[in-house]
Each structure stands twice: as C-alpha cells, then as structure tokens.
PDB file of N, CA and C in Angstrom:
ATOM      1  N   MET A   1       0.856  -1.176   0.000  1.00  0.00           N
ATOM      2  CA  MET A   1       0.000   0.000   0.000  1.00  0.00           C
ATOM      3  C   MET A   1       0.900   1.237   0.000  1.00  0.00           C
ATOM      4  N   THR A   2       0.645   2.133  -0.916  1.00  0.00           N
ATOM      5  CA  THR A   2       1.438   3.350  -0.997  1.00  0.00           C
ATOM      6  C   THR A   2       0.978   4.355   0.055  1.00  0.00           C
ATOM      7  N   TYR A   3       1.760   5.395   0.231  1.00  0.00           N
ATOM      8  CA  TYR A   3       1.431   6.438   1.202  1.00  0.00           C
ATOM      9  C   TYR A   3       0.101   7.103   0.834  1.00  0.00           C
ATOM     10  N   GLU A   4      -0.113   7.368  -0.465  1.00  0.00           N
ATOM     11  CA  GLU A   4      -1.352   8.006  -0.916  1.00  0.00           C
ATOM     12  C   GLU A   4      -2.563   7.130  -0.615  1.00  0.00           C
ATOM     13  N   GLU A   5      -2.449   5.839  -0.900  1.00  0.00           N
ATOM     14  CA  GLU A   5      -3.546   4.917  -0.625  1.00  0.00           C
ATOM     15  C   GLU A   5      -3.827   4.838   0.872  1.00  0.00           C
ATOM     16  N   HIS A   6      -2.772   4.863   1.670  1.00  0.00           N
ATOM     17  CA  HIS A   6      -2.925   4.830   3.125  1.00  0.00           C
ATOM     18  C   HIS A   6      -3.660   6.071   3.625  1.00  0.00           C
ATOM     19  N   GLU A   7      -3.331   7.232   3.088  1.00  0.00           N
ATOM     20  CA  GLU A   7      -4.009   8.479   3.474  1.00  0.00           C
ATOM     21  C   GLU A   7      -5.494   8.434   3.110  1.00  0.00           C
ATOM     22  N   LYS A   8      -5.810   7.936   1.927  1.00  0.00           N
ATOM     23  CA  LYS A   8      -7.217   7.819   1.502  1.00  0.00           C
ATOM     24  C   LYS A   8      -7.966   6.847   2.413  1.00  0.00           C
ATOM     25  N   PHE A   9      -7.298   5.750   2.775  1.00  0.00           N
ATOM     26  CA  PHE A   9      -7.917   4.764   3.654  1.00  0.00           C
ATOM     27  C   PHE A   9      -8.229   5.379   5.020  1.00  0.00           C
ATOM     28  N   LEU A  10      -7.292   6.130   5.573  1.00  0.00           N
ATOM     29  CA  LEU A  10      -7.521   6.777   6.866  1.00  0.00           C
ATOM     30  C   LEU A  10      -8.638   7.810   6.791  1.00  0.00           C
ATOM     31  N   GLU A  11      -8.691   8.549   5.683  1.00  0.00           N
ATOM     32  CA  GLU A  11      -9.745   9.546   5.492  1.00  0.00           C
ATOM     33  C   GLU A  11     -11.119   8.880   5.489  1.00  0.00           C
ATOM     34  N   MET A  12     -11.265   7.785   4.745  1.00  0.00           N
ATOM     35  CA  MET A  12     -12.550   7.089   4.668  1.00  0.00           C
ATOM     36  C   MET A  12     -12.872   6.389   5.985  1.00  0.00           C
ATOM     37  N   SER A  13     -11.867   6.013   6.746  1.00  0.00           N
ATOM     38  CA  SER A  13     -12.106   5.354   8.037  1.00  0.00           C
ATOM     39  C   SER A  13     -12.822   6.281   9.016  1.00  0.00           C
ATOM     40  N   LYS A  14     -12.583   7.600   8.912  1.00  0.00           N
ATOM     41  CA  LYS A  14     -13.298   8.563   9.765  1.00  0.00           C
ATOM     42  C   LYS A  14     -14.800   8.474   9.527  1.00  0.00           C
ATOM     43  N   TYR A  15     -15.190   8.350   8.261  1.00  0.00           N
ATOM     44  CA  TYR A  15     -16.616   8.297   7.918  1.00  0.00           C
ATOM     45  C   TYR A  15     -17.207   6.936   8.263  1.00  0.00           C
ATOM     46  N   ASN A  16     -16.361   5.924   8.304  1.00  0.00           N
ATOM     47  CA  ASN A  16     -16.800   4.605   8.731  1.00  0.00           C
ATOM     48  C   ASN A  16     -17.152   4.648  10.217  1.00  0.00           C
ATOM     49  N   VAL A  17     -16.348   5.325  11.021  1.00  0.00           N
ATOM     50  CA  VAL A  17     -16.602   5.471  12.460  1.00  0.00           C
ATOM     51  C   VAL A  17     -17.889   6.276  12.675  1.00  0.00           C
ATOM     52  N   ASN A  18     -18.131   7.289  11.843  1.00  0.00           N
ATOM     53  CA  ASN A  18     -19.350   8.099  11.968  1.00  0.00           C
ATOM     54  C   ASN A  18     -20.616   7.279  11.748  1.00  0.00           C
ATOM     55  N   SER A  19     -20.497   6.155  11.045  1.00  0.00           N
ATOM     56  CA  SER A  19     -21.686   5.375  10.705  1.00  0.00           C
ATOM     57  C   SER A  19     -22.094   4.385  11.791  1.00  0.00           C
ATOM     58  N   PHE A  20     -21.328   4.274  12.881  1.00  0.00           N
ATOM     59  CA  PHE A  20     -21.699   3.339  13.949  1.00  0.00           C
ATOM     60  C   PHE A  20     -23.067   3.722  14.511  1.00  0.00           C
ATOM     61  N   GLY A  21     -23.937   2.742  14.624  1.00  0.00           N
ATOM     62  CA  GLY A  21     -25.288   2.969  15.112  1.00  0.00           C
ATOM     63  C   GLY A  21     -26.278   3.272  14.004  1.00  0.00           C
ATOM     64  N   PHE A  22     -25.820   3.392  12.779  1.00  0.00           N
ATOM     65  CA  PHE A  22     -26.681   3.646  11.625  1.00  0.00           C
ATOM     66  C   PHE A  22     -26.582   2.470  10.661  1.00  0.00           C
ATOM     67  N   THR A  23     -27.477   2.399   9.700  1.00  0.00           N
ATOM     68  CA  THR A  23     -27.436   1.310   8.722  1.00  0.00           C
ATOM     69  C   THR A  23     -26.452   1.579   7.591  1.00  0.00           C
ATOM     70  N   SER A  24     -25.965   2.791   7.477  1.00  0.00           N
ATOM     71  CA  SER A  24     -25.013   3.099   6.414  1.00  0.00           C
ATOM     72  C   SER A  24     -23.639   2.541   6.745  1.00  0.00           C
ATOM     73  N   THR A  25     -22.863   2.283   5.696  1.00  0.00           N
ATOM     74  CA  THR A  25     -21.497   1.806   5.855  1.00  0.00           C
ATOM     75  C   THR A  25     -20.560   2.981   6.066  1.00  0.00           C
ATOM     76  N   LEU A  26     -20.734   4.045   5.308  1.00  0.00           N
ATOM     77  CA  LEU A  26     -19.988   5.297   5.465  1.00  0.00           C
ATOM     78  C   LEU A  26     -21.002   6.420   5.579  1.00  0.00           C
ATOM     79  N   LYS A  27     -20.786   7.356   6.472  1.00  0.00           N
ATOM     80  CA  LYS A  27     -21.765   8.422   6.704  1.00  0.00           C
ATOM     81  C   LYS A  27     -21.101   9.789   6.686  1.00  0.00           C
ATOM     82  N   GLY A  28     -21.711  10.728   5.952  1.00  0.00           N
ATOM     83  CA  GLY A  28     -21.277  12.116   5.957  1.00  0.00           C
ATOM     84  C   GLY A  28     -20.036  12.414   5.150  1.00  0.00           C
ATOM     85  N   VAL A  29     -19.784  11.662   4.100  1.00  0.00           N
ATOM     86  CA  VAL A  29     -18.601  11.887   3.265  1.00  0.00           C
ATOM     87  C   VAL A  29     -18.838  13.135   2.409  1.00  0.00           C
ATOM     88  N   PRO A  30     -17.914  14.110   2.409  1.00  0.00           N
ATOM     89  CA  PRO A  30     -18.087  15.307   1.587  1.00  0.00           C
ATOM     90  C   PRO A  30     -18.224  14.954   0.108  1.00  0.00           C
ATOM     91  N   MET A  31     -19.092  15.661  -0.572  1.00  0.00           N
ATOM     92  CA  MET A  31     -19.438  15.342  -1.951  1.00  0.00           C
ATOM     93  C   MET A  31     -18.330  15.728  -2.918  1.00  0.00           C
ATOM     94  N   SER A  32     -17.799  14.759  -3.620  1.00  0.00           N
ATOM     95  CA  SER A  32     -16.925  14.954  -4.774  1.00  0.00           C
ATOM     96  C   SER A  32     -16.828  13.610  -5.481  1.00  0.00           C
ATOM     97  N   GLU A  33     -16.545  13.629  -6.766  1.00  0.00           N
ATOM     98  CA  GLU A  33     -16.425  12.383  -7.519  1.00  0.00           C
ATOM     99  C   GLU A  33     -15.256  11.555  -6.997  1.00  0.00           C
ATOM    100  N   GLU A  34     -14.184  12.216  -6.606  1.00  0.00           N
ATOM    101  CA  GLU A  34     -13.023  11.504  -6.069  1.00  0.00           C
ATOM    102  C   GLU A  34     -13.378  10.797  -4.764  1.00  0.00           C
ATOM    103  N   ASN A  35     -14.110  11.486  -3.875  1.00  0.00           N
ATOM    104  CA  ASN A  35     -14.524  10.868  -2.617  1.00  0.00           C
ATOM    105  C   ASN A  35     -15.479   9.708  -2.846  1.00  0.00           C
ATOM    106  N   LEU A  36     -16.352   9.830  -3.836  1.00  0.00           N
ATOM    107  CA  LEU A  36     -17.284   8.748  -4.152  1.00  0.00           C
ATOM    108  C   LEU A  36     -16.512   7.511  -4.605  1.00  0.00           C
ATOM    109  N   GLU A  37     -15.539   7.714  -5.457  1.00  0.00           N
ATOM    110  CA  GLU A  37     -14.702   6.605  -5.934  1.00  0.00           C
ATOM    111  C   GLU A  37     -13.895   6.002  -4.778  1.00  0.00           C
ATOM    112  N   ASN A  38     -13.305   6.852  -3.946  1.00  0.00           N
ATOM    113  CA  ASN A  38     -12.533   6.364  -2.799  1.00  0.00           C
ATOM    114  C   ASN A  38     -13.409   5.590  -1.814  1.00  0.00           C
ATOM    115  N   ALA A  39     -14.641   6.048  -1.607  1.00  0.00           N
ATOM    116  CA  ALA A  39     -15.550   5.370  -0.683  1.00  0.00           C
ATOM    117  C   ALA A  39     -15.899   3.978  -1.200  1.00  0.00           C
ATOM    118  N   LYS A  40     -16.164   3.863  -2.480  1.00  0.00           N
ATOM    119  CA  LYS A  40     -16.484   2.554  -3.046  1.00  0.00           C
ATOM    120  C   LYS A  40     -15.280   1.628  -2.994  1.00  0.00           C
ATOM    121  N   ASN A  41     -14.095   2.154  -3.280  1.00  0.00           N
ATOM    122  CA  ASN A  41     -12.879   1.340  -3.188  1.00  0.00           C
ATOM    123  C   ASN A  41     -12.629   0.887  -1.755  1.00  0.00           C
ATOM    124  N   HIS A  42     -12.878   1.781  -0.805  1.00  0.00           N
ATOM    125  CA  HIS A  42     -12.690   1.478   0.619  1.00  0.00           C
ATOM    126  C   HIS A  42     -13.571   0.297   1.035  1.00  0.00           C
ATOM    127  N   CYS A  43     -14.843   0.342   0.677  1.00  0.00           N
ATOM    128  CA  CYS A  43     -15.771  -0.729   1.065  1.00  0.00           C
ATOM    129  C   CYS A  43     -15.468  -2.024   0.331  1.00  0.00           C
ATOM    130  N   THR A  44     -14.973  -1.910  -0.888  1.00  0.00           N
ATOM    131  CA  THR A  44     -14.596  -3.110  -1.625  1.00  0.00           C
ATOM    132  C   THR A  44     -13.412  -3.798  -0.955  1.00  0.00           C
ATOM    133  N   LYS A  45     -12.420  -3.017  -0.546  1.00  0.00           N
ATOM    134  CA  LYS A  45     -11.235  -3.601   0.086  1.00  0.00           C
ATOM    135  C   LYS A  45     -11.502  -4.061   1.514  1.00  0.00           C
ATOM    136  N   LEU A  46     -12.210  -3.263   2.283  1.00  0.00           N
ATOM    137  CA  LEU A  46     -12.401  -3.555   3.703  1.00  0.00           C
ATOM    138  C   LEU A  46     -13.436  -4.650   3.953  1.00  0.00           C
ATOM    139  N   TYR A  47     -14.578  -4.570   3.266  1.00  0.00           N
ATOM    140  CA  TYR A  47     -15.679  -5.495   3.522  1.00  0.00           C
ATOM    141  C   TYR A  47     -15.855  -6.551   2.439  1.00  0.00           C
ATOM    142  N   GLY A  48     -15.223  -6.361   1.281  1.00  0.00           N
ATOM    143  CA  GLY A  48     -15.379  -7.304   0.181  1.00  0.00           C
ATOM    144  C   GLY A  48     -16.681  -7.137  -0.578  1.00  0.00           C
ATOM    145  N   TYR A  49     -17.347  -5.972  -0.426  1.00  0.00           N
ATOM    146  CA  TYR A  49     -18.586  -5.707  -1.165  1.00  0.00           C
ATOM    147  C   TYR A  49     -18.259  -5.509  -2.636  1.00  0.00           C
ATOM    148  N   SER A  50     -19.097  -6.042  -3.508  1.00  0.00           N
ATOM    149  CA  SER A  50     -18.961  -5.694  -4.917  1.00  0.00           C
ATOM    150  C   SER A  50     -19.651  -4.347  -5.113  1.00  0.00           C
ATOM    151  N   ARG A  51     -19.264  -3.645  -6.151  1.00  0.00           N
ATOM    152  CA  ARG A  51     -19.832  -2.312  -6.382  1.00  0.00           C
ATOM    153  C   ARG A  51     -21.325  -2.371  -6.660  1.00  0.00           C
ATOM    154  N   SER A  52     -21.810  -3.466  -7.192  1.00  0.00           N
ATOM    155  CA  SER A  52     -23.240  -3.586  -7.468  1.00  0.00           C
ATOM    156  C   SER A  52     -24.059  -3.760  -6.194  1.00  0.00           C
ATOM    157  N   ARG A  53     -23.410  -4.094  -5.080  1.00  0.00           N
ATOM    158  CA  ARG A  53     -24.106  -4.239  -3.798  1.00  0.00           C
ATOM    159  C   ARG A  53     -24.122  -2.961  -2.988  1.00  0.00           C
ATOM    160  N   MET A  54     -23.581  -1.865  -3.535  1.00  0.00           N
ATOM    161  CA  MET A  54     -23.549  -0.590  -2.824  1.00  0.00           C
ATOM    162  C   MET A  54     -24.482   0.411  -3.498  1.00  0.00           C
ATOM    163  N   TYR A  55     -25.076   1.281  -2.691  1.00  0.00           N
ATOM    164  CA  TYR A  55     -25.819   2.401  -3.258  1.00  0.00           C
ATOM    165  C   TYR A  55     -25.570   3.646  -2.416  1.00  0.00           C
ATOM    166  N   VAL A  56     -25.821   4.795  -3.030  1.00  0.00           N
ATOM    167  CA  VAL A  56     -25.489   6.093  -2.435  1.00  0.00           C
ATOM    168  C   VAL A  56     -26.761   6.871  -2.161  1.00  0.00           C
ATOM    169  N   MET A  57     -26.817   7.483  -0.981  1.00  0.00           N
ATOM    170  CA  MET A  57     -27.885   8.437  -0.655  1.00  0.00           C
ATOM    171  C   MET A  57     -27.211   9.787  -0.465  1.00  0.00           C
ATOM    172  N   TYR A  58     -27.676  10.766  -1.208  1.00  0.00           N
ATOM    173  CA  TYR A  58     -27.085  12.103  -1.151  1.00  0.00           C
ATOM    174  C   TYR A  58     -27.739  12.899  -0.039  1.00  0.00           C
ATOM    175  N   ARG A  59     -26.957  13.721   0.645  1.00  0.00           N
ATOM    176  CA  ARG A  59     -27.439  14.533   1.765  1.00  0.00           C
ATOM    177  C   ARG A  59     -27.283  16.009   1.429  1.00  0.00           C
ATOM    178  N   GLY A  60     -28.284  16.765   1.741  1.00  0.00           N
ATOM    179  CA  GLY A  60     -28.277  18.194   1.484  1.00  0.00           C
ATOM    180  C   GLY A  60     -29.700  18.714   1.380  1.00  0.00           C
ATOM    181  N   PRO A  61     -29.866  19.929   0.901  1.00  0.00           N
ATOM    182  CA  PRO A  61     -31.205  20.507   0.797  1.00  0.00           C
ATOM    183  C   PRO A  61     -32.022  19.833  -0.303  1.00  0.00           C
ATOM    184  N   ARG A  62     -33.318  19.743  -0.088  1.00  0.00           N
ATOM    185  CA  ARG A  62     -34.222  19.204  -1.107  1.00  0.00           C
ATOM    186  C   ARG A  62     -34.819  20.391  -1.852  1.00  0.00           C
ATOM    187  N   THR A  63     -34.216  20.715  -2.976  1.00  0.00           N
ATOM    188  CA  THR A  63     -34.616  21.917  -3.698  1.00  0.00           C
ATOM    189  C   THR A  63     -35.748  21.680  -4.684  1.00  0.00           C
ATOM    190  N   SER A  64     -36.042  20.440  -5.004  1.00  0.00           N
ATOM    191  CA  SER A  64     -37.146  20.161  -5.928  1.00  0.00           C
ATOM    192  C   SER A  64     -38.348  19.655  -5.135  1.00  0.00           C
ATOM    193  N   ILE A  65     -39.351  19.191  -5.830  1.00  0.00           N
ATOM    194  CA  ILE A  65     -40.579  18.735  -5.181  1.00  0.00           C
ATOM    195  C   ILE A  65     -40.421  17.329  -4.604  1.00  0.00           C
ATOM    196  N   SER A  66     -39.398  16.604  -4.998  1.00  0.00           N
ATOM    197  CA  SER A  66     -39.242  15.205  -4.592  1.00  0.00           C
ATOM    198  C   SER A  66     -38.846  15.067  -3.122  1.00  0.00           C
ATOM    199  N   ASN A  67     -38.847  13.831  -2.641  1.00  0.00           N
ATOM    200  CA  ASN A  67     -38.495  13.535  -1.251  1.00  0.00           C
ATOM    201  C   ASN A  67     -37.009  13.291  -1.040  1.00  0.00           C
ATOM    202  N   CYS A  68     -36.217  13.342  -2.093  1.00  0.00           N
ATOM    203  CA  CYS A  68     -34.799  13.032  -1.952  1.00  0.00           C
ATOM    204  C   CYS A  68     -33.943  14.206  -2.430  1.00  0.00           C
ATOM    205  N   THR A  69     -32.688  14.187  -2.028  1.00  0.00           N
ATOM    206  CA  THR A  69     -31.732  15.201  -2.454  1.00  0.00           C
ATOM    207  C   THR A  69     -31.126  14.784  -3.783  1.00  0.00           C
ATOM    208  N   LEU A  70     -31.053  15.701  -4.711  1.00  0.00           N
ATOM    209  CA  LEU A  70     -30.436  15.423  -5.998  1.00  0.00           C
ATOM    210  C   LEU A  70     -28.923  15.520  -5.877  1.00  0.00           C
ATOM    211  N   LYS A  71     -28.230  14.787  -6.726  1.00  0.00           N
ATOM    212  CA  LYS A  71     -26.771  14.764  -6.683  1.00  0.00           C
ATOM    213  C   LYS A  71     -26.191  16.163  -6.862  1.00  0.00           C
ATOM    214  N   LYS A  72     -26.777  16.950  -7.738  1.00  0.00           N
ATOM    215  CA  LYS A  72     -26.242  18.300  -8.008  1.00  0.00           C
ATOM    216  C   LYS A  72     -26.395  19.236  -6.808  1.00  0.00           C
ATOM    217  N   ASP A  73     -27.336  18.957  -5.902  1.00  0.00           N
ATOM    218  CA  ASP A  73     -27.573  19.804  -4.730  1.00  0.00           C
ATOM    219  C   ASP A  73     -26.889  19.289  -3.467  1.00  0.00           C
ATOM    220  N   ALA A  74     -26.292  18.115  -3.528  1.00  0.00           N
ATOM    221  CA  ALA A  74     -25.757  17.457  -2.331  1.00  0.00           C
ATOM    222  C   ALA A  74     -24.482  18.119  -1.824  1.00  0.00           C
ATOM    223  N   HIS A  75     -24.311  18.100  -0.495  1.00  0.00           N
ATOM    224  CA  HIS A  75     -23.064  18.546   0.117  1.00  0.00           C
ATOM    225  C   HIS A  75     -22.290  17.354   0.684  1.00  0.00           C
ATOM    226  N   SER A  76     -22.970  16.214   0.868  1.00  0.00           N
ATOM    227  CA  SER A  76     -22.311  15.003   1.350  1.00  0.00           C
ATOM    228  C   SER A  76     -23.139  13.795   0.911  1.00  0.00           C
ATOM    229  N   PHE A  77     -22.610  12.614   1.188  1.00  0.00           N
ATOM    230  CA  PHE A  77     -23.342  11.394   0.854  1.00  0.00           C
ATOM    231  C   PHE A  77     -23.064  10.311   1.879  1.00  0.00           C
ATOM    232  N   ASP A  78     -23.961   9.324   1.923  1.00  0.00           N
ATOM    233  CA  ASP A  78     -23.809   8.128   2.743  1.00  0.00           C
ATOM    234  C   ASP A  78     -23.774   6.935   1.802  1.00  0.00           C
ATOM    235  N   LEU A  79     -23.012   5.928   2.152  1.00  0.00           N
ATOM    236  CA  LEU A  79     -22.901   4.726   1.330  1.00  0.00           C
ATOM    237  C   LEU A  79     -23.533   3.560   2.077  1.00  0.00           C
ATOM    238  N   TYR A  80     -24.408   2.810   1.412  1.00  0.00           N
ATOM    239  CA  TYR A  80     -25.132   1.694   2.000  1.00  0.00           C
ATOM    240  C   TYR A  80     -24.851   0.408   1.239  1.00  0.00           C
ATOM    241  N   LYS A  81     -25.102  -0.719   1.910  1.00  0.00           N
ATOM    242  CA  LYS A  81     -25.013  -2.027   1.273  1.00  0.00           C
ATOM    243  C   LYS A  81     -26.418  -2.524   1.007  1.00  0.00           C
ATOM    244  N   ARG A  82     -26.639  -3.053  -0.199  1.00  0.00           N
ATOM    245  CA  ARG A  82     -27.939  -3.635  -0.522  1.00  0.00           C
ATOM    246  C   ARG A  82     -28.099  -4.950   0.200  1.00  0.00           C
ATOM    247  N   ASN A  83     -29.307  -5.214   0.666  1.00  0.00           N
ATOM    248  CA  ASN A  83     -29.604  -6.465   1.385  1.00  0.00           C
ATOM    249  C   ASN A  83     -30.423  -7.385   0.502  1.00  0.00           C
ATOM    250  N   TYR A  84     -29.747  -8.050  -0.407  1.00  0.00           N
ATOM    251  CA  TYR A  84     -30.451  -9.055  -1.225  1.00  0.00           C
ATOM    252  C   TYR A  84     -29.615 -10.282  -1.348  1.00  0.00           C
TER     253      TYR A  84
END
C-alpha cells in the first residue's frame, strides 16, 4: 500500500466510524467524484462488497418537489449495502 492509498484509507475510516449505530457503511462523506470513488474502493477492500451491492444516498437541501436530495444539490453522501 502506498502512502497516498494509506491516506485515503484513513480519510474514509473517519466516515466509517461516523456510521456506527446507523445502517449506512460510510456516513457524511463530503461530496466529490473523487470521494465517491474512494468510498467505493474502501468498502470493496475492507468489507469485500462488490460495487453492485452498494448504493449512495445524497445529503443536502431538497430543492425540488421530490423527497430526496439530488446529486447536483448534495453537500455530502452516505454509502449503503444492498440487502439481497
């Protein structure tokens, strides 16, 4: 494991600790494409989840009429494992 990979792993581990007591695997990860990729890689390496068994819930203001936050409006996200 390189130094860069180790730093990314430690960064994602903070969000893993935040998820204790919740159903999410990672909670409150700041929104960016790089963080999304790192979060999926983290869960793949740590838990052995395949990417198809993970889904993302975006967190932030609900600016449209729907009940969920859109990706473009999100400030953070949570990563969950599908139960099937």
